[in-house]
Amino acid sequence: MSCRYIIRHRGTPRCDLPGSPYPSRIAAKRAADQAGLAPVEIVTVKRRSA
Protein backbone atom coordinates (compact mmCIF):
# COMPACT_ATOMS: atom_id res chain seq x y z
CA MET A 1 0.00 0.00 0.00
CA SER A 2 1.09 3.53 -0.65
CA CYS A 3 -0.35 6.70 0.81
CA ARG A 4 -1.24 9.77 -1.19
CA TYR A 5 -2.66 13.10 -0.08
CA ILE A 6 -5.60 15.14 -1.36
CA ILE A 7 -6.50 18.72 -0.52
CA ARG A 8 -9.92 19.32 1.04
CA HIS A 9 -11.09 22.92 0.81
CA ARG A 10 -14.28 23.86 2.72
CA GLY A 11 -15.24 20.20 2.99
CA THR A 12 -14.87 19.47 -0.74
CA PRO A 13 -12.02 17.28 -2.02
CA ARG A 14 -10.09 19.11 -4.74
CA CYS A 15 -9.01 16.31 -7.08
CA ASP A 16 -9.00 18.71 -10.04
CA LEU A 17 -5.73 20.42 -9.05
CA PRO A 18 -2.61 19.57 -11.08
CA GLY A 19 -0.63 16.70 -9.59
CA SER A 20 -3.40 15.44 -7.33
CA PRO A 21 -3.16 13.04 -5.46
CA TYR A 22 0.14 14.26 -4.05
CA PRO A 23 3.06 12.10 -2.87
CA SER A 24 3.63 14.12 0.34
CA ARG A 25 1.91 16.59 2.65
CA ILE A 26 4.50 19.22 1.74
CA ALA A 27 3.68 18.89 -1.98
CA ALA A 28 -0.05 19.17 -1.21
CA LYS A 29 0.47 22.27 0.93
CA ARG A 30 2.61 23.87 -1.79
CA ALA A 31 -0.08 23.20 -4.43
CA ALA A 32 -2.77 24.71 -2.18
CA ASP A 33 -0.67 27.84 -1.72
CA GLN A 34 -0.12 28.15 -5.47
CA ALA A 35 -3.86 27.75 -6.13
CA GLY A 36 -4.68 30.40 -3.53
CA LEU A 37 -6.74 28.06 -1.36
CA ALA A 38 -6.80 28.78 2.35
CA PRO A 39 -7.60 27.26 4.80
CA VAL A 40 -7.19 23.69 3.63
CA GLU A 41 -7.19 20.25 5.18
CA ILE A 42 -4.82 17.61 3.80
CA VAL A 43 -6.44 14.17 3.78
CA THR A 44 -4.62 10.85 3.53
CA VAL A 45 -5.81 8.46 0.82
CA LYS A 46 -4.67 4.86 1.05
CA ARG A 47 -4.24 2.99 -2.18
CA ARG A 48 -4.12 -0.79 -2.34
CA SER A 49 -2.46 -2.74 -5.08
CA ALA A 50 -4.66 -5.34 -6.71
PDB file of N, CA and C in Angstrom:
ATOM      1  N   MET A   1       0.830  -1.177   0.000  1.00  0.00           N
ATOM      2  CA  MET A   1       0.000   0.000   0.000  1.00  0.00           C
ATOM      3  C   MET A   1       0.872   1.236   0.000  1.00  0.00           C
ATOM      4  N   SER A   2       0.393   2.253  -0.677  1.00  0.00           N
ATOM      5  CA  SER A   2       1.089   3.525  -0.650  1.00  0.00           C
ATOM      6  C   SER A   2       0.086   4.619  -0.312  1.00  0.00           C
ATOM      7  N   CYS A   3       0.523   5.604   0.422  1.00  0.00           N
ATOM      8  CA  CYS A   3      -0.351   6.703   0.812  1.00  0.00           C
ATOM      9  C   CYS A   3      -0.165   7.875  -0.137  1.00  0.00           C
ATOM     10  N   ARG A   4      -1.239   8.535  -0.425  1.00  0.00           N
ATOM     11  CA  ARG A   4      -1.237   9.770  -1.193  1.00  0.00           C
ATOM     12  C   ARG A   4      -2.071  10.779  -0.420  1.00  0.00           C
ATOM     13  N   TYR A   5      -1.983  12.032  -0.803  1.00  0.00           N
ATOM     14  CA  TYR A   5      -2.659  13.098  -0.078  1.00  0.00           C
ATOM     15  C   TYR A   5      -3.479  13.949  -1.034  1.00  0.00           C
ATOM     16  N   ILE A   6      -4.681  14.303  -0.589  1.00  0.00           N
ATOM     17  CA  ILE A   6      -5.598  15.136  -1.363  1.00  0.00           C
ATOM     18  C   ILE A   6      -5.939  16.356  -0.523  1.00  0.00           C
ATOM     19  N   ILE A   7      -6.123  17.477  -1.190  1.00  0.00           N
ATOM     20  CA  ILE A   7      -6.497  18.717  -0.520  1.00  0.00           C
ATOM     21  C   ILE A   7      -8.014  18.768  -0.384  1.00  0.00           C
ATOM     22  N   ARG A   8      -8.495  19.106   0.816  1.00  0.00           N
ATOM     23  CA  ARG A   8      -9.919  19.317   1.043  1.00  0.00           C
ATOM     24  C   ARG A   8     -10.095  20.789   1.406  1.00  0.00           C
ATOM     25  N   HIS A   9     -10.858  21.505   0.596  1.00  0.00           N
ATOM     26  CA  HIS A   9     -11.092  22.924   0.811  1.00  0.00           C
ATOM     27  C   HIS A   9     -12.573  23.134   1.094  1.00  0.00           C
ATOM     28  N   ARG A  10     -12.897  23.633   2.279  1.00  0.00           N
ATOM     29  CA  ARG A  10     -14.277  23.863   2.722  1.00  0.00           C
ATOM     30  C   ARG A  10     -15.121  22.592   2.619  1.00  0.00           C
ATOM     31  N   GLY A  11     -14.528  21.462   2.970  1.00  0.00           N
ATOM     32  CA  GLY A  11     -15.240  20.201   2.989  1.00  0.00           C
ATOM     33  C   GLY A  11     -15.318  19.475   1.660  1.00  0.00           C
ATOM     34  N   THR A  12     -14.803  20.082   0.591  1.00  0.00           N
ATOM     35  CA  THR A  12     -14.868  19.474  -0.737  1.00  0.00           C
ATOM     36  C   THR A  12     -13.482  19.016  -1.162  1.00  0.00           C
ATOM     37  N   PRO A  13     -13.316  17.745  -1.509  1.00  0.00           N
ATOM     38  CA  PRO A  13     -12.022  17.278  -2.017  1.00  0.00           C
ATOM     39  C   PRO A  13     -11.708  17.940  -3.355  1.00  0.00           C
ATOM     40  N   ARG A  14     -10.488  18.427  -3.505  1.00  0.00           N
ATOM     41  CA  ARG A  14     -10.088  19.108  -4.738  1.00  0.00           C
ATOM     42  C   ARG A  14      -9.169  18.201  -5.541  1.00  0.00           C
ATOM     43  N   CYS A  15      -9.760  17.256  -6.251  1.00  0.00           N
ATOM     44  CA  CYS A  15      -9.007  16.313  -7.076  1.00  0.00           C
ATOM     45  C   CYS A  15      -8.657  16.908  -8.439  1.00  0.00           C
ATOM     46  N   ASP A  16      -9.198  18.089  -8.746  1.00  0.00           N
ATOM     47  CA  ASP A  16      -8.998  18.710 -10.041  1.00  0.00           C
ATOM     48  C   ASP A  16      -7.698  19.511 -10.134  1.00  0.00           C
ATOM     49  N   LEU A  17      -6.984  19.658  -9.034  1.00  0.00           N
ATOM     50  CA  LEU A  17      -5.734  20.421  -9.052  1.00  0.00           C
ATOM     51  C   LEU A  17      -4.625  19.618  -9.720  1.00  0.00           C
ATOM     52  N   PRO A  18      -3.711  20.282 -10.423  1.00  0.00           N
ATOM     53  CA  PRO A  18      -2.614  19.566 -11.085  1.00  0.00           C
ATOM     54  C   PRO A  18      -1.754  18.783 -10.094  1.00  0.00           C
ATOM     55  N   GLY A  19      -1.478  17.529 -10.418  1.00  0.00           N
ATOM     56  CA  GLY A  19      -0.626  16.704  -9.588  1.00  0.00           C
ATOM     57  C   GLY A  19      -1.346  15.924  -8.506  1.00  0.00           C
ATOM     58  N   SER A  20      -2.642  16.118  -8.372  1.00  0.00           N
ATOM     59  CA  SER A  20      -3.404  15.435  -7.327  1.00  0.00           C
ATOM     60  C   SER A  20      -3.687  14.000  -7.735  1.00  0.00           C
ATOM     61  N   PRO A  21      -3.574  13.040  -6.864  1.00  0.00           N
ATOM     62  CA  PRO A  21      -3.155  13.042  -5.464  1.00  0.00           C
ATOM     63  C   PRO A  21      -1.642  13.221  -5.323  1.00  0.00           C
ATOM     64  N   TYR A  22      -1.251  13.872  -4.252  1.00  0.00           N
ATOM     65  CA  TYR A  22       0.142  14.263  -4.050  1.00  0.00           C
ATOM     66  C   TYR A  22       0.933  13.216  -3.283  1.00  0.00           C
ATOM     67  N   PRO A  23       2.240  13.110  -3.541  1.00  0.00           N
ATOM     68  CA  PRO A  23       3.058  12.100  -2.873  1.00  0.00           C
ATOM     69  C   PRO A  23       3.413  12.446  -1.421  1.00  0.00           C
ATOM     70  N   SER A  24       3.280  13.732  -1.032  1.00  0.00           N
ATOM     71  CA  SER A  24       3.625  14.121   0.335  1.00  0.00           C
ATOM     72  C   SER A  24       2.735  15.274   0.786  1.00  0.00           C
ATOM     73  N   ARG A  25       2.672  15.474   2.110  1.00  0.00           N
ATOM     74  CA  ARG A  25       1.905  16.594   2.652  1.00  0.00           C
ATOM     75  C   ARG A  25       2.510  17.930   2.229  1.00  0.00           C
ATOM     76  N   ILE A  26       3.825  17.983   2.135  1.00  0.00           N
ATOM     77  CA  ILE A  26       4.502  19.220   1.737  1.00  0.00           C
ATOM     78  C   ILE A  26       4.108  19.605   0.315  1.00  0.00           C
ATOM     79  N   ALA A  27       4.076  18.628  -0.588  1.00  0.00           N
ATOM     80  CA  ALA A  27       3.681  18.891  -1.976  1.00  0.00           C
ATOM     81  C   ALA A  27       2.226  19.356  -2.045  1.00  0.00           C
ATOM     82  N   ALA A  28       1.360  18.766  -1.230  1.00  0.00           N
ATOM     83  CA  ALA A  28      -0.047  19.166  -1.211  1.00  0.00           C
ATOM     84  C   ALA A  28      -0.197  20.590  -0.690  1.00  0.00           C
ATOM     85  N   LYS A  29       0.521  20.919   0.367  1.00  0.00           N
ATOM     86  CA  LYS A  29       0.468  22.272   0.930  1.00  0.00           C
ATOM     87  C   LYS A  29       0.979  23.302  -0.070  1.00  0.00           C
ATOM     88  N   ARG A  30       2.048  22.970  -0.770  1.00  0.00           N
ATOM     89  CA  ARG A  30       2.609  23.868  -1.785  1.00  0.00           C
ATOM     90  C   ARG A  30       1.601  24.120  -2.911  1.00  0.00           C
ATOM     91  N   ALA A  31       0.917  23.063  -3.363  1.00  0.00           N
ATOM     92  CA  ALA A  31      -0.076  23.196  -4.430  1.00  0.00           C
ATOM     93  C   ALA A  31      -1.262  24.045  -3.970  1.00  0.00           C
ATOM     94  N   ALA A  32      -1.673  23.898  -2.719  1.00  0.00           N
ATOM     95  CA  ALA A  32      -2.769  24.706  -2.184  1.00  0.00           C
ATOM     96  C   ALA A  32      -2.382  26.177  -2.140  1.00  0.00           C
ATOM     97  N   ASP A  33      -1.150  26.457  -1.757  1.00  0.00           N
ATOM     98  CA  ASP A  33      -0.673  27.835  -1.719  1.00  0.00           C
ATOM     99  C   ASP A  33      -0.633  28.438  -3.119  1.00  0.00           C
ATOM    100  N   GLN A  34      -0.186  27.668  -4.096  1.00  0.00           N
ATOM    101  CA  GLN A  34      -0.119  28.151  -5.474  1.00  0.00           C
ATOM    102  C   GLN A  34      -1.515  28.402  -6.052  1.00  0.00           C
ATOM    103  N   ALA A  35      -2.496  27.594  -5.646  1.00  0.00           N
ATOM    104  CA  ALA A  35      -3.861  27.752  -6.135  1.00  0.00           C
ATOM    105  C   ALA A  35      -4.620  28.841  -5.381  1.00  0.00           C
ATOM    106  N   GLY A  36      -4.045  29.344  -4.309  1.00  0.00           N
ATOM    107  CA  GLY A  36      -4.684  30.395  -3.530  1.00  0.00           C
ATOM    108  C   GLY A  36      -5.804  29.893  -2.635  1.00  0.00           C
ATOM    109  N   LEU A  37      -5.727  28.645  -2.229  1.00  0.00           N
ATOM    110  CA  LEU A  37      -6.739  28.056  -1.357  1.00  0.00           C
ATOM    111  C   LEU A  37      -6.280  28.130   0.091  1.00  0.00           C
ATOM    112  N   ALA A  38      -7.108  28.734   0.931  1.00  0.00           N
ATOM    113  CA  ALA A  38      -6.797  28.782   2.355  1.00  0.00           C
ATOM    114  C   ALA A  38      -8.100  28.950   3.104  1.00  0.00           C
ATOM    115  N   PRO A  39      -8.344  28.346   4.195  1.00  0.00           N
ATOM    116  CA  PRO A  39      -7.596  27.255   4.804  1.00  0.00           C
ATOM    117  C   PRO A  39      -7.916  25.933   4.130  1.00  0.00           C
ATOM    118  N   VAL A  40      -7.000  25.016   4.221  1.00  0.00           N
ATOM    119  CA  VAL A  40      -7.189  23.692   3.629  1.00  0.00           C
ATOM    120  C   VAL A  40      -6.918  22.607   4.656  1.00  0.00           C
ATOM    121  N   GLU A  41      -7.467  21.438   4.388  1.00  0.00           N
ATOM    122  CA  GLU A  41      -7.186  20.246   5.179  1.00  0.00           C
ATOM    123  C   GLU A  41      -6.566  19.247   4.224  1.00  0.00           C
ATOM    124  N   ILE A  42      -5.492  18.604   4.639  1.00  0.00           N
ATOM    125  CA  ILE A  42      -4.824  17.611   3.799  1.00  0.00           C
ATOM    126  C   ILE A  42      -5.230  16.232   4.307  1.00  0.00           C
ATOM    127  N   VAL A  43      -5.855  15.454   3.414  1.00  0.00           N
ATOM    128  CA  VAL A  43      -6.438  14.171   3.776  1.00  0.00           C
ATOM    129  C   VAL A  43      -5.609  13.051   3.184  1.00  0.00           C
ATOM    130  N   THR A  44      -5.362  12.001   3.980  1.00  0.00           N
ATOM    131  CA  THR A  44      -4.618  10.850   3.526  1.00  0.00           C
ATOM    132  C   THR A  44      -5.541   9.909   2.780  1.00  0.00           C
ATOM    133  N   VAL A  45      -5.074   9.433   1.623  1.00  0.00           N
ATOM    134  CA  VAL A  45      -5.813   8.463   0.823  1.00  0.00           C
ATOM    135  C   VAL A  45      -4.928   7.232   0.697  1.00  0.00           C
ATOM    136  N   LYS A  46      -5.447   6.101   1.135  1.00  0.00           N
ATOM    137  CA  LYS A  46      -4.672   4.864   1.048  1.00  0.00           C
ATOM    138  C   LYS A  46      -5.046   4.131  -0.216  1.00  0.00           C
ATOM    139  N   ARG A  47      -4.038   3.715  -0.937  1.00  0.00           N
ATOM    140  CA  ARG A  47      -4.242   2.992  -2.180  1.00  0.00           C
ATOM    141  C   ARG A  47      -3.737   1.578  -2.002  1.00  0.00           C
ATOM    142  N   ARG A  48      -4.534   0.618  -2.420  1.00  0.00           N
ATOM    143  CA  ARG A  48      -4.123  -0.789  -2.341  1.00  0.00           C
ATOM    144  C   ARG A  48      -3.811  -1.307  -3.716  1.00  0.00           C
ATOM    145  N   SER A  49      -2.763  -2.107  -3.801  1.00  0.00           N
ATOM    146  CA  SER A  49      -2.458  -2.739  -5.078  1.00  0.00           C
ATOM    147  C   SER A  49      -3.350  -3.964  -5.234  1.00  0.00           C
ATOM    148  N   ALA A  50      -3.706  -4.252  -6.459  1.00  0.00           N
ATOM    149  CA  ALA A  50      -4.660  -5.344  -6.714  1.00  0.00           C
ATOM    150  C   ALA A  50      -4.041  -6.688  -6.684  1.00  0.00           C
TER     151      ALA A  50
END
